[in-house]
């Protein structure tokens, strides 16, 4: 059960911190670029990608819980 709790905690942390992670990632990758018109769309893309990663990690935890229940039966 400890492995599933790790997955759940990591996924919630990534989802909650997806906006600051998106801002930091844009500042690192596009440091010397002028993003006057595309900044919001690129930012939304990075935020949604981090949220998707968090959701996928959460799904891995759920699958591990379901597989663990089937092993006990």
N, C-alpha and C. Protein backbone atom coordinates (compact mmCIF):
# COMPACT_ATOMS: atom_id res chain seq x y z
N UNK A 1 0.82 -1.20 0.00
CA UNK A 1 0.00 0.00 0.00
C UNK A 1 0.86 1.26 0.00
N UNK A 2 2.09 1.17 0.48
CA UNK A 2 2.95 2.36 0.52
C UNK A 2 3.28 2.87 -0.88
N UNK A 3 3.42 1.94 -1.83
CA UNK A 3 3.76 2.35 -3.18
C UNK A 3 2.63 3.18 -3.80
N UNK A 4 1.39 2.81 -3.53
CA UNK A 4 0.25 3.54 -4.08
C UNK A 4 0.15 4.93 -3.45
N UNK A 5 0.43 5.04 -2.17
CA UNK A 5 0.37 6.34 -1.50
C UNK A 5 1.41 7.28 -2.09
N UNK A 6 2.59 6.75 -2.42
CA UNK A 6 3.61 7.58 -3.07
C UNK A 6 3.11 8.11 -4.40
N UNK A 7 2.48 7.23 -5.20
CA UNK A 7 1.96 7.66 -6.49
C UNK A 7 0.89 8.74 -6.33
N UNK A 8 -0.01 8.56 -5.37
CA UNK A 8 -1.08 9.53 -5.16
C UNK A 8 -0.52 10.87 -4.70
N UNK A 9 0.41 10.86 -3.76
CA UNK A 9 1.00 12.12 -3.28
C UNK A 9 1.78 12.84 -4.37
N UNK A 10 2.59 12.11 -5.11
CA UNK A 10 3.36 12.74 -6.19
C UNK A 10 2.43 13.32 -7.24
N UNK A 11 1.36 12.60 -7.57
CA UNK A 11 0.45 13.11 -8.60
C UNK A 11 -0.25 14.38 -8.14
N UNK A 12 -0.71 14.43 -6.88
CA UNK A 12 -1.36 15.64 -6.39
C UNK A 12 -0.38 16.81 -6.31
N UNK A 13 0.84 16.54 -5.91
CA UNK A 13 1.84 17.62 -5.85
C UNK A 13 2.11 18.17 -7.24
N UNK A 14 2.26 17.31 -8.23
CA UNK A 14 2.51 17.77 -9.60
C UNK A 14 1.32 18.56 -10.13
N UNK A 15 0.10 18.09 -9.86
CA UNK A 15 -1.08 18.80 -10.36
C UNK A 15 -1.20 20.17 -9.70
N UNK A 16 -0.98 20.24 -8.38
CA UNK A 16 -1.11 21.52 -7.69
C UNK A 16 0.00 22.50 -8.07
N UNK A 17 1.17 21.99 -8.40
CA UNK A 17 2.29 22.87 -8.76
C UNK A 17 2.47 23.00 -10.26
N UNK A 18 1.47 22.63 -11.05
CA UNK A 18 1.63 22.67 -12.50
C UNK A 18 1.77 24.10 -13.03
N UNK A 19 1.08 25.06 -12.45
CA UNK A 19 1.20 26.44 -12.93
C UNK A 19 2.58 27.02 -12.63
N UNK A 20 3.10 26.93 -11.40
CA UNK A 20 4.47 27.43 -11.18
C UNK A 20 5.52 26.67 -11.98
N UNK A 21 5.31 25.36 -12.15
CA UNK A 21 6.25 24.60 -12.97
C UNK A 21 6.20 25.06 -14.42
N UNK A 22 5.01 25.39 -14.92
CA UNK A 22 4.88 25.89 -16.29
C UNK A 22 5.59 27.21 -16.48
N UNK A 23 5.42 28.14 -15.51
CA UNK A 23 6.11 29.43 -15.59
C UNK A 23 7.63 29.24 -15.57
N UNK A 24 8.12 28.41 -14.68
CA UNK A 24 9.57 28.18 -14.57
C UNK A 24 10.12 27.52 -15.83
N UNK A 25 9.36 26.57 -16.39
CA UNK A 25 9.82 25.89 -17.60
C UNK A 25 9.91 26.84 -18.77
N UNK A 26 8.93 27.72 -18.91
CA UNK A 26 8.98 28.71 -20.00
C UNK A 26 10.17 29.64 -19.80
N UNK A 27 10.39 30.07 -18.57
CA UNK A 27 11.52 30.97 -18.32
C UNK A 27 12.86 30.29 -18.57
N UNK A 28 12.95 29.00 -18.37
CA UNK A 28 14.20 28.28 -18.62
C UNK A 28 14.39 28.02 -20.11
N UNK A 29 13.37 27.52 -20.79
CA UNK A 29 13.50 27.13 -22.19
C UNK A 29 13.58 28.34 -23.11
N UNK A 30 12.70 29.32 -22.90
CA UNK A 30 12.63 30.48 -23.78
C UNK A 30 13.24 31.71 -23.11
N UNK A 31 14.41 31.57 -22.57
CA UNK A 31 15.04 32.64 -21.81
C UNK A 31 15.31 33.89 -22.66
N UNK A 32 15.87 33.74 -23.82
CA UNK A 32 16.26 34.89 -24.64
C UNK A 32 15.35 35.10 -25.85
N UNK A 33 14.13 34.62 -25.79
CA UNK A 33 13.21 34.75 -26.91
C UNK A 33 12.12 35.77 -26.58
N UNK A 34 11.61 36.42 -27.62
CA UNK A 34 10.50 37.35 -27.46
C UNK A 34 9.20 36.59 -27.74
N UNK A 35 8.41 36.35 -26.71
CA UNK A 35 7.17 35.59 -26.83
C UNK A 35 5.95 36.48 -26.65
N UNK A 36 5.94 37.63 -27.27
CA UNK A 36 4.88 38.61 -27.01
C UNK A 36 3.50 38.08 -27.35
N UNK A 37 3.32 37.41 -28.45
CA UNK A 37 1.99 36.96 -28.85
C UNK A 37 1.68 35.53 -28.46
N UNK A 38 2.69 34.71 -28.26
CA UNK A 38 2.47 33.29 -28.02
C UNK A 38 2.66 32.87 -26.58
N UNK A 39 2.92 33.79 -25.68
CA UNK A 39 3.26 33.43 -24.30
C UNK A 39 2.13 32.67 -23.62
N UNK A 40 0.91 33.13 -23.75
CA UNK A 40 -0.23 32.51 -23.06
C UNK A 40 -0.49 31.11 -23.60
N UNK A 41 -0.42 30.93 -24.91
CA UNK A 41 -0.69 29.60 -25.48
C UNK A 41 0.40 28.61 -25.10
N UNK A 42 1.65 29.06 -25.11
CA UNK A 42 2.74 28.17 -24.71
C UNK A 42 2.62 27.84 -23.22
N UNK A 43 2.28 28.84 -22.40
CA UNK A 43 2.11 28.61 -20.97
C UNK A 43 0.99 27.60 -20.70
N UNK A 44 -0.13 27.75 -21.39
CA UNK A 44 -1.23 26.78 -21.23
C UNK A 44 -0.81 25.38 -21.65
N UNK A 45 -0.01 25.28 -22.68
CA UNK A 45 0.48 23.97 -23.11
C UNK A 45 1.35 23.31 -22.06
N UNK A 46 2.25 24.08 -21.47
CA UNK A 46 3.11 23.52 -20.42
C UNK A 46 2.31 23.15 -19.18
N UNK A 47 1.38 24.00 -18.78
CA UNK A 47 0.56 23.70 -17.60
C UNK A 47 -0.26 22.45 -17.82
N UNK A 48 -0.88 22.32 -19.00
CA UNK A 48 -1.69 21.14 -19.27
C UNK A 48 -0.83 19.88 -19.38
N UNK A 49 0.39 20.01 -19.88
CA UNK A 49 1.25 18.83 -19.95
C UNK A 49 1.64 18.35 -18.55
N UNK A 50 1.93 19.29 -17.64
CA UNK A 50 2.24 18.88 -16.27
C UNK A 50 1.02 18.27 -15.59
N UNK A 51 -0.16 18.81 -15.85
CA UNK A 51 -1.38 18.23 -15.28
C UNK A 51 -1.62 16.83 -15.84
N UNK A 52 -1.35 16.63 -17.11
CA UNK A 52 -1.51 15.31 -17.72
C UNK A 52 -0.54 14.31 -17.11
N UNK A 53 0.69 14.74 -16.86
CA UNK A 53 1.66 13.86 -16.20
C UNK A 53 1.17 13.47 -14.81
N UNK A 54 0.62 14.43 -14.06
CA UNK A 54 0.08 14.13 -12.74
C UNK A 54 -1.08 13.16 -12.80
N UNK A 55 -1.95 13.34 -13.77
CA UNK A 55 -3.11 12.43 -13.92
C UNK A 55 -2.64 11.03 -14.28
N UNK A 56 -1.63 10.92 -15.15
CA UNK A 56 -1.12 9.61 -15.52
C UNK A 56 -0.47 8.90 -14.34
N UNK A 57 0.25 9.63 -13.50
CA UNK A 57 0.83 9.04 -12.30
C UNK A 57 -0.27 8.58 -11.35
N UNK A 58 -1.34 9.37 -11.24
CA UNK A 58 -2.48 8.98 -10.41
C UNK A 58 -3.11 7.70 -10.93
N UNK A 59 -3.24 7.57 -12.24
CA UNK A 59 -3.82 6.36 -12.83
C UNK A 59 -2.93 5.15 -12.54
N UNK A 60 -1.63 5.32 -12.56
CA UNK A 60 -0.72 4.23 -12.22
C UNK A 60 -0.97 3.77 -10.79
N UNK A 61 -1.17 4.71 -9.87
CA UNK A 61 -1.49 4.36 -8.49
C UNK A 61 -2.80 3.61 -8.38
N UNK A 62 -3.82 4.05 -9.12
CA UNK A 62 -5.13 3.37 -9.08
C UNK A 62 -5.01 1.95 -9.63
N UNK A 63 -4.26 1.80 -10.72
CA UNK A 63 -4.07 0.46 -11.29
C UNK A 63 -3.35 -0.44 -10.30
N UNK A 64 -2.35 0.09 -9.59
CA UNK A 64 -1.66 -0.72 -8.59
C UNK A 64 -2.60 -1.13 -7.46
N UNK A 65 -3.51 -0.25 -7.06
CA UNK A 65 -4.48 -0.59 -6.02
C UNK A 65 -5.39 -1.72 -6.52
N UNK A 66 -5.88 -1.61 -7.75
CA UNK A 66 -6.78 -2.63 -8.29
C UNK A 66 -6.06 -3.97 -8.48
N UNK A 67 -4.83 -3.94 -8.91
CA UNK A 67 -4.08 -5.18 -9.08
C UNK A 67 -3.80 -5.81 -7.71
N UNK A 68 -3.51 -4.97 -6.72
CA UNK A 68 -3.28 -5.47 -5.37
C UNK A 68 -4.52 -6.12 -4.77
N UNK A 69 -5.69 -5.58 -5.07
CA UNK A 69 -6.95 -6.19 -4.57
C UNK A 69 -7.18 -7.54 -5.25
N UNK A 70 -6.87 -7.64 -6.54
CA UNK A 70 -7.06 -8.90 -7.24
C UNK A 70 -6.09 -9.96 -6.75
N UNK A 71 -4.90 -9.59 -6.32
CA UNK A 71 -3.93 -10.55 -5.82
C UNK A 71 -4.36 -11.13 -4.47
N UNK A 72 -5.08 -10.33 -3.67
CA UNK A 72 -5.52 -10.80 -2.36
C UNK A 72 -6.71 -11.74 -2.44
N UNK A 73 -7.45 -11.69 -3.56
CA UNK A 73 -8.62 -12.57 -3.70
C UNK A 73 -8.21 -13.92 -4.06
